[in-house]
Structure formats: C-alpha cells, structure tokens
Amino acid sequence: MKACIDIGGTKVAVSLATGNEALPVLQARRTEPTAKTGTNDALAVQIIRMVGEACAEIGVDPATVQNAGVSSCGPFIIRDGLIELAAPNICGGMAGPARGLPNDWDTALLEAPLGARFARVRIENDCVAALEAERHWGALAGFDHCAYVTWSTGIGMGVCVDGHVLRGKNGNAGHAGHMFVSDNDDALCGCGNIGDVEGLVAGNAIARRFGQDAAVLFQAARAGDAAALAKVDDLCRVLGRALYNLVVTLDLQRISLGGSVFWHNREFLLPRLQSHIDGKLPALTAGALLVPAGLADKVGDYAAVALA
C-alpha cells in the first residue's frame, strides 16, 4: 500500500493504492483545503495526518505505508538538498500582503518532514506527474513529444521531448504559466509578476480581475452573454498563445489538458484554444492537437499514483 498525495493551491487530496501496472484502484480518498496558516510546516503536517486517517478508514497499519508519491504545484526550491515549495498560491510571502494569502511564508517545508515519516518519498511538479500518468494510462500514451497542461487555480505544464520528461535544475521545467504573452498590467500573480499567464487567466485570477467566480463567467458565456463571451475569448487568447509557444518551441505532437477551469468547460473551451494553434506556421503546428485529459477529473489522483 502506497500513499498518493496531490497538492494544489486550493486543496490537498490523499489516497492509498497498490502498485499494480494496470490502472490502480484508489482507496480511502479524502480532500481538504490546502493548509495555509500557522508555521510553514503546516502543509506537511496536514498530509501526514490525512494519510493516517486514510489508513484508519480501511484498517491498515500506518507504519506499513512507507512509500509516498507527491504530486505538487510548484515551483520548488532546493535547500540543503531537500525540496521546499515556493508555490504562489500557497506561500503568501512571495507577492506580499496585496495577494491576500493568510501567511508570510517564502516557502513551505515538504520533503524534510515527509522524509521523516516515509522511507521513500518522490516529489514532482504536479504537471510532470500528471504527464507521466497521462503517458502511462491516458491521452498521451504512445506520444514522445507531448505536454500536459492544467487550467485550474494556477496554470501548470509538464513537457516531454524525444520520450524524455523535462525537469530542469530544480524540477521546475514547465513553469510556462509565468511567461508573458500580453501587455496587461492589471493582474498580480502570486509569484510577484504582474501580467503573466497565470496572473491573467488562472481560476483565482478571473475572480480578482472580473469580480465574478470563473464558473459564473463561463456559464454566462455559454448562454451567449456578449460581455462574458468577450472576456472568455480574451482568456483563451492568452492561454492559446502560451500553448502555441509551447508547441513551436518544443515541436510537440499533442497536449492533454485538465484542471477544474478547463474540465468543467472543456467542450466550450477546446475549439477556442485550438484556434490559436491551427494554421499558424503549419510547418511546426500542423497536426498538433489539444485533447482533454484521458484520466478526466481523476488525473491529479493518478499523477500521485504514477510517482508512488
């Protein structure tokens, strides 16, 4: 039995699974809002408690669960050889009080406290982990030049070229949600940038910029409200340019998309995003396809399974 941990800017999900090659069955799954108050080990303490509660639910001795796969939003920093989170939607010290997070953390401790609890801990950026899961069980199986992109609380990407998943010096390859593709200066990202992709189109950015929840905005756009539709088209233009940049920079075949904002509006958003790729520099973009995540709304859970 292995612990599968999915850390997002909004919620943490924990489940238990066996290590079968076939799509494993997740057991004792539970979710909670991501811990963001107290000392900067609060998130790790929350995870350890949740794993213990999951074990109790199915009658497993927690001491026998010694492997943990951790799929986490990033970026990461390495301190004394151990991973800490410098996640803009968790650590309030990055952008300061204007961002409204209830802490002044520059980082959240992760690998050190989890390593004291588990014998083996593998931590990867959540989109790198989701990429591995999608290549193993989902919509990217059989593709050597591909990416997974989440449109959720934040914007994240995991990329694979020539069959190799790219990680970078600190495991942060794929943080293209912090690229600049617009001149907007009305959107403070949790990383401190003003006007990057995440600051403009992420789920929490929509509420800050337009004063309405993302779900409300998309519902109005689908109903034909002209003002809402113009806002959604602008969001798709920003993210569509980022996806185009990803395709032409890395010569990709396919991008799988997930995350709550995308998933709940996927039929509405997919053609709009694809339109920012099709017909533009066909030598690099012809045949490059955007598809919904094959693991659907469970991609985050199976991302952690792929690591464990």
Protein backbone atom coordinates (compact mmCIF):
# COMPACT_ATOMS: atom_id res chain seq x y z
CA MET A 1 0.00 0.00 0.00
CA LYS A 2 1.35 3.39 -1.05
CA ALA A 3 0.36 6.93 -0.15
CA CYS A 4 -0.68 9.08 -3.10
CA ILE A 5 -0.68 12.82 -2.37
CA ASP A 6 -1.89 15.58 -4.67
CA ILE A 7 -1.12 19.14 -3.51
CA GLY A 8 -2.89 22.03 -5.18
CA GLY A 9 -3.24 25.69 -4.41
CA THR A 10 -6.85 25.12 -3.34
CA LYS A 11 -6.99 21.57 -2.00
CA VAL A 12 -4.94 18.57 -0.91
CA ALA A 13 -6.08 15.06 -1.88
CA VAL A 14 -4.74 11.88 -0.28
CA SER A 15 -5.50 8.29 -1.24
CA LEU A 16 -3.97 4.83 -0.85
CA ALA A 17 -3.21 2.47 -3.73
CA THR A 18 -1.37 -0.71 -4.56
CA GLY A 19 1.45 -0.67 -7.10
CA ASN A 20 -0.23 -2.57 -9.93
CA GLU A 21 0.70 -1.73 -13.53
CA ALA A 22 -2.98 -1.75 -14.53
CA LEU A 23 -4.90 1.36 -13.54
CA PRO A 24 -4.90 1.03 -9.74
CA VAL A 25 -7.97 1.33 -7.58
CA LEU A 26 -7.75 4.30 -5.24
CA GLN A 27 -8.86 3.68 -1.68
CA ALA A 28 -9.81 5.90 1.26
CA ARG A 29 -9.60 9.08 -0.82
CA ARG A 30 -10.10 12.31 1.08
CA THR A 31 -9.64 16.01 0.32
CA GLU A 32 -9.20 19.14 2.43
CA PRO A 33 -8.49 22.80 1.72
CA THR A 34 -4.73 23.32 1.48
CA ALA A 35 -3.27 24.39 4.83
CA LYS A 36 -2.06 28.00 4.59
CA THR A 37 -1.94 29.20 8.19
CA GLY A 38 0.44 28.63 11.08
CA THR A 39 4.09 27.70 10.63
CA ASN A 40 5.48 26.76 7.24
CA ASP A 41 5.43 23.02 8.01
CA ALA A 42 1.62 23.13 8.31
CA LEU A 43 1.06 21.58 4.89
CA ALA A 44 3.35 18.61 5.60
CA VAL A 45 1.69 18.10 9.00
CA GLN A 46 -1.70 18.12 7.28
CA ILE A 47 -0.58 15.49 4.76
CA ILE A 48 0.82 13.14 7.41
CA ARG A 49 -2.40 13.40 9.41
CA MET A 50 -4.54 12.73 6.32
CA VAL A 51 -2.52 9.63 5.41
CA GLY A 52 -3.01 8.33 8.94
CA GLU A 53 -6.76 8.92 8.68
CA ALA A 54 -6.90 7.15 5.32
CA CYS A 55 -5.10 4.14 6.81
CA ALA A 56 -7.54 4.04 9.73
CA GLU A 57 -10.50 4.09 7.35
CA ILE A 58 -9.50 0.80 5.69
CA GLY A 59 -7.81 -0.80 8.70
CA VAL A 60 -4.20 -0.52 7.52
CA ASP A 61 -1.37 -0.02 10.00
CA PRO A 62 0.11 3.39 9.04
CA ALA A 63 3.60 2.06 9.80
CA THR A 64 3.28 -0.30 6.80
CA VAL A 65 2.74 2.61 4.38
CA GLN A 66 6.29 3.71 3.66
CA ASN A 67 6.19 4.82 0.01
CA ALA A 68 4.74 8.22 -0.86
CA GLY A 69 4.23 9.83 -4.25
CA VAL A 70 3.70 13.58 -4.01
CA SER A 71 2.31 15.47 -6.99
CA SER A 72 2.54 19.15 -6.08
CA CYS A 73 2.06 22.59 -7.51
CA GLY A 74 5.35 24.45 -7.59
CA PRO A 75 7.82 25.95 -8.12
CA PHE A 76 10.26 24.10 -5.91
CA ILE A 77 13.46 25.29 -4.34
CA ILE A 78 16.21 23.00 -3.07
CA ARG A 79 17.51 23.81 0.41
CA ASP A 80 20.15 21.57 1.96
CA GLY A 81 19.34 19.00 -0.71
CA LEU A 82 15.62 18.86 0.13
CA ILE A 83 12.59 20.17 -1.76
CA GLU A 84 10.56 23.06 -0.38
CA LEU A 85 7.55 24.65 -2.08
CA ALA A 86 7.70 28.21 -3.33
CA ALA A 87 4.15 28.00 -4.62
CA PRO A 88 2.50 31.35 -5.45
CA ASN A 89 -0.97 30.18 -4.42
CA ILE A 90 0.23 28.80 -1.06
CA CYS A 91 3.13 30.97 0.12
CA GLY A 92 1.99 34.49 0.97
CA GLY A 93 5.47 35.89 1.40
CA MET A 94 6.20 35.75 -2.33
CA ALA A 95 3.95 38.55 -3.57
CA GLY A 96 3.23 40.14 -0.19
CA PRO A 97 0.01 41.22 1.53
CA ALA A 98 -1.59 42.53 -1.68
CA ARG A 99 -2.13 38.93 -2.78
CA GLY A 100 -4.31 38.22 0.26
CA LEU A 101 -2.85 34.89 1.42
CA PRO A 102 -3.02 34.33 5.21
CA ASN A 103 0.70 33.73 5.81
CA ASP A 104 4.11 35.30 5.17
CA TRP A 105 5.86 32.09 4.10
CA ASP A 106 8.52 32.33 1.42
CA THR A 107 8.47 28.53 1.21
CA ALA A 108 6.51 25.64 2.66
CA LEU A 109 8.55 22.76 4.05
CA LEU A 110 7.80 19.48 2.29
CA GLU A 111 10.49 16.85 1.74
CA ALA A 112 12.15 17.12 5.15
CA PRO A 113 9.03 16.42 7.25
CA LEU A 114 7.67 13.84 4.82
CA GLY A 115 11.07 12.13 4.67
CA ALA A 116 10.96 11.77 8.44
CA ARG A 117 7.64 9.92 8.10
CA PHE A 118 8.10 7.83 4.94
CA ALA A 119 11.04 5.63 3.90
CA ARG A 120 10.68 6.65 0.26
CA VAL A 121 9.28 9.97 -0.96
CA ARG A 122 9.16 11.04 -4.60
CA ILE A 123 8.07 14.64 -5.19
CA GLU A 124 7.41 16.03 -8.65
CA ASN A 125 5.70 19.07 -10.05
CA ASP A 126 2.02 18.18 -10.39
CA CYS A 127 2.03 18.63 -14.15
CA VAL A 128 5.15 16.48 -14.57
CA ALA A 129 3.39 13.81 -12.50
CA ALA A 130 0.16 14.22 -14.50
CA LEU A 131 2.19 13.98 -17.71
CA GLU A 132 3.60 10.64 -16.53
CA ALA A 133 0.11 9.40 -15.66
CA GLU A 134 -1.33 10.56 -19.00
CA ARG A 135 1.53 8.86 -20.88
CA HIS A 136 1.05 5.68 -18.88
CA TRP A 137 -2.75 5.40 -18.72
CA GLY A 138 -4.30 8.36 -20.53
CA ALA A 139 -4.49 10.51 -23.65
CA LEU A 140 -0.71 10.79 -24.18
CA ALA A 141 0.04 7.06 -24.34
CA GLY A 142 2.35 6.38 -27.29
CA PHE A 143 3.44 10.00 -27.76
CA ASP A 144 7.09 11.00 -27.32
CA HIS A 145 6.64 14.74 -27.94
CA CYS A 146 3.82 15.94 -25.75
CA ALA A 147 2.71 18.01 -22.77
CA TYR A 148 0.12 18.10 -20.04
CA VAL A 149 -1.36 21.50 -19.13
CA THR A 150 -3.65 22.33 -16.24
CA TRP A 151 -6.01 25.30 -16.19
CA SER A 152 -7.10 25.45 -12.59
CA THR A 153 -6.27 27.61 -9.54
CA GLY A 154 -2.96 28.16 -11.35
CA ILE A 155 -1.55 27.36 -14.79
CA GLY A 156 0.95 24.49 -14.93
CA MET A 157 2.67 22.44 -17.61
CA GLY A 158 4.66 19.22 -17.84
CA VAL A 159 6.60 18.58 -21.06
CA CYS A 160 8.15 15.58 -22.79
CA VAL A 161 10.51 15.74 -25.78
CA ASP A 162 12.08 12.74 -27.54
CA GLY A 163 10.47 10.50 -24.93
CA HIS A 164 12.21 12.30 -22.06
CA VAL A 165 10.24 14.17 -19.41
CA LEU A 166 11.94 17.53 -18.85
CA ARG A 167 12.64 18.51 -15.24
CA GLY A 168 15.33 21.21 -15.11
CA LYS A 169 17.84 22.13 -12.44
CA ASN A 170 15.33 22.21 -9.55
CA GLY A 171 12.50 20.18 -11.04
CA ASN A 172 10.75 23.32 -12.30
CA ALA A 173 10.74 22.77 -16.08
CA GLY A 174 7.30 23.54 -17.47
CA HIS A 175 6.51 26.61 -15.38
CA ALA A 176 5.39 28.35 -18.53
CA GLY A 177 2.35 29.67 -16.71
CA HIS A 178 4.66 32.50 -15.68
CA MET A 179 5.58 33.51 -19.22
CA PHE A 180 4.47 36.91 -20.52
CA VAL A 181 2.22 36.87 -23.60
CA SER A 182 0.29 40.11 -23.06
CA ASP A 183 0.81 43.73 -22.09
CA ASN A 184 -1.84 43.64 -19.34
CA ASP A 185 -0.78 45.25 -16.09
CA ASP A 186 -3.96 44.58 -14.10
CA ALA A 187 -3.16 41.12 -12.78
CA LEU A 188 -0.86 40.41 -9.83
CA CYS A 189 0.31 36.79 -9.84
CA GLY A 190 1.16 35.11 -6.57
CA CYS A 191 4.77 34.84 -7.76
CA GLY A 192 5.01 38.65 -7.82
CA ASN A 193 4.81 39.04 -11.60
CA ILE A 194 2.23 41.44 -12.95
CA GLY A 195 0.50 40.28 -16.13
CA ASP A 196 1.92 36.78 -16.66
CA VAL A 197 -0.30 33.97 -17.99
CA GLU A 198 -1.29 32.71 -14.54
CA GLY A 199 -1.96 36.20 -13.26
CA LEU A 200 -4.31 36.78 -16.20
CA VAL A 201 -6.24 33.53 -16.69
CA ALA A 202 -5.91 31.23 -13.65
CA GLY A 203 -9.09 30.43 -11.76
CA ASN A 204 -8.32 32.79 -8.90
CA ALA A 205 -7.18 35.50 -11.34
CA ILE A 206 -10.57 35.50 -13.06
CA ALA A 207 -12.30 36.32 -9.78
CA ARG A 208 -9.81 39.09 -8.97
CA ARG A 209 -9.87 40.68 -12.43
CA PHE A 210 -13.56 40.47 -13.24
CA GLY A 211 -15.18 40.38 -9.81
CA GLN A 212 -17.04 37.14 -10.50
CA ASP A 213 -16.36 33.47 -9.99
CA ALA A 214 -14.96 31.60 -13.01
CA ALA A 215 -17.94 29.23 -13.05
CA VAL A 216 -20.37 32.17 -13.23
CA LEU A 217 -18.40 33.81 -16.04
CA PHE A 218 -18.27 30.66 -18.17
CA GLN A 219 -21.94 29.91 -17.58
CA ALA A 220 -22.85 33.38 -18.82
CA ALA A 221 -20.57 33.00 -21.85
CA ARG A 222 -22.10 29.65 -22.77
CA ALA A 223 -25.54 31.24 -22.51
CA GLY A 224 -24.50 33.82 -25.10
CA ASP A 225 -23.86 36.88 -22.91
CA ALA A 226 -21.75 39.11 -25.16
CA ALA A 227 -19.68 40.73 -22.42
CA ALA A 228 -18.91 37.39 -20.77
CA LEU A 229 -18.06 35.82 -24.12
CA ALA A 230 -15.60 38.64 -24.88
CA LYS A 231 -13.87 38.02 -21.55
CA VAL A 232 -13.66 34.26 -22.16
CA ASP A 233 -12.30 34.81 -25.68
CA ASP A 234 -9.62 37.06 -24.18
CA LEU A 235 -8.72 34.37 -21.63
CA CYS A 236 -8.45 31.82 -24.43
CA ARG A 237 -6.29 34.19 -26.45
CA VAL A 238 -3.79 34.44 -23.58
CA LEU A 239 -3.65 30.72 -22.83
CA GLY A 240 -3.88 29.84 -26.53
CA ARG A 241 -0.76 31.90 -27.23
CA ALA A 242 1.03 30.12 -24.40
CA LEU A 243 0.05 26.74 -25.85
CA TYR A 244 1.17 27.85 -29.31
CA ASN A 245 4.53 28.91 -27.86
CA LEU A 246 4.86 25.51 -26.22
CA VAL A 247 4.12 23.67 -29.48
CA VAL A 248 6.54 25.66 -31.64
CA THR A 249 9.32 25.81 -29.04
CA LEU A 250 9.31 22.05 -28.34
CA ASP A 251 7.86 20.70 -31.64
CA LEU A 252 5.04 18.87 -29.87
CA GLN A 253 2.52 16.39 -31.25
CA ARG A 254 -0.18 16.56 -28.59
CA ILE A 255 -1.15 18.48 -25.47
CA SER A 256 -3.52 16.98 -22.91
CA LEU A 257 -5.50 19.48 -20.83
CA GLY A 258 -7.03 19.18 -17.39
CA GLY A 259 -7.73 21.23 -14.29
CA SER A 260 -11.02 22.40 -12.87
CA VAL A 261 -11.46 25.53 -15.00
CA PHE A 262 -10.81 23.64 -18.22
CA TRP A 263 -12.53 20.41 -17.30
CA HIS A 264 -15.89 21.90 -16.37
CA ASN A 265 -15.93 23.89 -19.63
CA ARG A 266 -13.90 21.62 -21.91
CA GLU A 267 -16.30 21.35 -24.87
CA PHE A 268 -16.70 25.13 -24.91
CA LEU A 269 -13.00 25.97 -24.46
CA LEU A 270 -11.21 23.33 -26.53
CA PRO A 271 -12.02 24.68 -30.02
CA ARG A 272 -11.26 28.22 -28.88
CA LEU A 273 -7.82 27.20 -27.62
CA GLN A 274 -7.12 25.04 -30.68
CA SER A 275 -7.84 28.02 -32.95
CA HIS A 276 -4.73 29.76 -31.61
CA ILE A 277 -2.58 26.90 -32.92
CA ASP A 278 -4.21 25.82 -36.19
CA GLY A 279 -2.92 27.50 -39.33
CA LYS A 280 -0.12 29.40 -37.62
CA LEU A 281 3.27 28.35 -39.00
CA PRO A 282 1.98 24.98 -40.27
CA ALA A 283 5.49 23.56 -40.61
CA LEU A 284 5.57 23.44 -36.81
CA THR A 285 1.89 23.30 -35.87
CA ALA A 286 0.27 21.02 -38.46
CA GLY A 287 -1.26 18.05 -36.68
CA ALA A 288 -0.55 19.42 -33.19
CA LEU A 289 -3.68 18.56 -31.26
CA LEU A 290 -5.19 19.67 -27.97
CA VAL A 291 -7.19 16.94 -26.22
CA PRO A 292 -8.98 16.56 -22.88
CA ALA A 293 -7.07 14.57 -20.28
CA GLY A 294 -7.68 10.87 -20.77
CA LEU A 295 -7.84 10.40 -17.00
CA ALA A 296 -10.54 13.05 -16.84
CA ASP A 297 -11.04 14.72 -13.47
CA LYS A 298 -9.01 11.96 -11.76
CA VAL A 299 -5.74 12.98 -13.43
CA GLY A 300 -4.41 14.59 -10.22
CA ASP A 301 -5.01 11.42 -8.22
CA TYR A 302 -3.36 9.17 -10.78
CA ALA A 303 -0.48 11.62 -11.10
CA ALA A 304 0.41 10.82 -7.49
CA VAL A 305 -0.09 7.08 -8.16
CA ALA A 306 2.37 7.29 -11.08
CA LEU A 307 5.01 8.66 -8.69
CA ALA A 308 4.33 6.20 -5.87
